[in-house]
Amino acid sequence: MKKTLYMVCLACIAVVLLSSCAGFVVGLNQSIGNYTPQPDRAARYFAAHPYLSDDIKAAILRGEVILGMHGEDVEFLMGDPNETSNTTMAGAVLETWSYRVEGFGGPPSYTFVYFTNGVVSSVSRVNR
């Protein structure tokens, strides 16, 4: 009887630990742009945005931010940025979106998405 109770308790603890770790990983992946949308969600996004190139559609399906995307595409994949900044220089609007990812037992990392006139011109990731 004691052995059965012990095994049930151990199984419950394992389920709780595994489910909380899985939730953390999903959140982490979404924050750094490695979020792969469900096919039906992506199909609805593509239908609402018929101008998207095949390269951008493929990147969205991979969960990857690439050059040439617009802000709406990046938000679809990564959500709202933690911070934004913008400036105008020589007639071009330069904008930076930053995403902070809390480190799991370590320092945070950051993803920066740079836009020139509303189009992704660079992406960088910094691990601290």
Protein backbone atom coordinates (compact mmCIF):
# COMPACT_ATOMS: atom_id res chain seq x y z
CA MET A 1 0.00 0.00 0.00
CA LYS A 2 2.78 2.43 0.96
CA LYS A 3 4.68 1.57 -2.20
CA THR A 4 1.62 2.28 -4.39
CA LEU A 5 0.97 5.61 -2.66
CA TYR A 6 4.64 6.53 -3.06
CA MET A 7 4.54 5.72 -6.81
CA VAL A 8 1.35 7.77 -7.32
CA CYS A 9 2.89 10.76 -5.52
CA LEU A 10 6.08 10.45 -7.54
CA ALA A 11 4.10 10.30 -10.80
CA CYS A 12 2.10 13.41 -9.83
CA ILE A 13 5.27 15.34 -9.06
CA ALA A 14 6.78 14.31 -12.40
CA VAL A 15 3.70 15.48 -14.30
CA VAL A 16 3.72 18.87 -12.57
CA LEU A 17 7.43 19.39 -13.19
CA LEU A 18 7.27 18.36 -16.84
CA SER A 19 4.21 20.45 -17.60
CA SER A 20 5.72 23.57 -16.03
CA CYS A 21 8.97 23.08 -17.98
CA ALA A 22 7.05 22.65 -21.24
CA GLY A 23 5.14 25.86 -20.59
CA PHE A 24 8.37 27.74 -19.97
CA VAL A 25 9.93 26.50 -23.21
CA VAL A 26 6.90 27.54 -25.27
CA GLY A 27 6.98 31.01 -23.74
CA LEU A 28 10.72 31.28 -24.33
CA ASN A 29 10.42 30.25 -27.96
CA GLN A 30 7.63 32.73 -28.61
CA SER A 31 9.65 35.54 -27.07
CA ILE A 32 12.71 35.00 -29.24
CA GLY A 33 10.81 34.52 -32.47
CA ASN A 34 11.16 30.80 -32.84
CA TYR A 35 7.41 30.45 -32.64
CA THR A 36 5.90 28.31 -35.34
CA PRO A 37 2.22 29.20 -35.75
CA GLN A 38 -0.47 26.57 -36.04
CA PRO A 39 -1.24 25.88 -39.73
CA ASP A 40 -4.82 27.20 -39.52
CA ARG A 41 -3.66 30.41 -37.83
CA ALA A 42 -0.97 30.90 -40.48
CA ALA A 43 -3.49 30.21 -43.27
CA ARG A 44 -5.81 32.91 -41.89
CA TYR A 45 -2.89 35.35 -41.69
CA PHE A 46 -1.87 34.57 -45.29
CA ALA A 47 -5.45 35.03 -46.50
CA ALA A 48 -5.60 38.43 -44.80
CA HIS A 49 -2.21 39.41 -46.27
CA PRO A 50 -2.22 38.25 -49.92
CA TYR A 51 0.76 40.46 -50.81
CA LEU A 52 3.22 38.30 -48.81
CA SER A 53 6.03 36.78 -50.86
CA ASP A 54 6.68 33.05 -50.83
CA ASP A 55 9.93 33.68 -48.89
CA ILE A 56 8.10 35.55 -46.13
CA LYS A 57 5.35 32.91 -45.98
CA ALA A 58 7.97 30.18 -45.63
CA ALA A 59 9.78 32.15 -42.90
CA ILE A 60 6.51 32.60 -41.01
CA LEU A 61 5.86 28.86 -41.20
CA ARG A 62 9.38 28.28 -39.80
CA GLY A 63 8.78 30.88 -37.07
CA GLU A 64 11.68 33.03 -38.27
CA VAL A 65 11.96 36.82 -38.67
CA ILE A 66 13.70 37.70 -41.94
CA LEU A 67 14.66 40.79 -43.92
CA GLY A 68 11.78 42.32 -45.84
CA MET A 69 9.06 41.56 -43.29
CA HIS A 70 6.80 44.33 -42.02
CA GLY A 71 6.01 45.11 -38.41
CA GLU A 72 2.71 43.25 -38.58
CA ASP A 73 4.52 40.08 -39.68
CA VAL A 74 6.98 40.37 -36.77
CA GLU A 75 4.16 40.96 -34.28
CA PHE A 76 2.36 37.89 -35.63
CA LEU A 77 5.41 35.77 -34.81
CA MET A 78 6.89 37.41 -31.71
CA GLY A 79 4.08 39.38 -30.13
CA ASP A 80 4.39 42.94 -28.87
CA PRO A 81 7.96 44.13 -28.29
CA ASN A 82 9.13 44.97 -24.78
CA GLU A 83 10.49 48.30 -25.99
CA THR A 84 10.53 50.36 -29.16
CA SER A 85 12.50 53.37 -30.29
CA ASN A 86 12.50 55.34 -33.50
CA THR A 87 14.25 58.21 -35.16
CA THR A 88 14.35 59.84 -38.57
CA MET A 89 17.68 60.20 -40.33
CA ALA A 90 18.23 61.53 -43.84
CA GLY A 91 14.53 61.07 -44.60
CA ALA A 92 14.43 57.43 -43.47
CA VAL A 93 12.43 56.29 -40.46
CA LEU A 94 14.61 53.96 -38.35
CA GLU A 95 12.88 51.89 -35.70
CA THR A 96 14.14 49.28 -33.23
CA TRP A 97 11.99 46.72 -31.45
CA SER A 98 13.52 44.85 -28.55
CA TYR A 99 12.38 41.59 -27.00
CA ARG A 100 13.78 40.54 -23.63
CA VAL A 101 13.90 36.87 -22.68
CA GLU A 102 14.54 36.06 -19.05
CA GLY A 103 17.34 33.54 -18.67
CA PHE A 104 16.46 30.22 -17.09
CA GLY A 105 18.82 30.38 -14.12
CA GLY A 106 21.01 32.91 -15.90
CA PRO A 107 21.04 36.42 -17.33
CA PRO A 108 18.44 37.54 -19.87
CA SER A 109 18.98 37.57 -23.62
CA TYR A 110 17.63 40.06 -26.11
CA THR A 111 16.40 40.01 -29.68
CA PHE A 112 16.51 43.28 -31.61
CA VAL A 113 14.56 43.79 -34.81
CA TYR A 114 15.58 46.84 -36.84
CA PHE A 115 13.27 48.47 -39.37
CA THR A 116 13.99 51.02 -42.09
CA ASN A 117 10.85 52.73 -43.37
CA GLY A 118 8.70 49.98 -41.82
CA VAL A 119 10.58 47.00 -43.30
CA VAL A 120 12.91 44.67 -41.37
CA SER A 121 16.48 45.60 -42.28
CA SER A 122 18.34 43.58 -39.62
CA VAL A 123 17.83 41.15 -36.73
CA SER A 124 20.27 40.49 -33.92
CA ARG A 125 20.29 38.37 -30.79
CA VAL A 126 22.40 39.15 -27.76
CA ASN A 127 23.01 36.68 -24.95
CA ARG A 128 24.16 38.33 -21.74
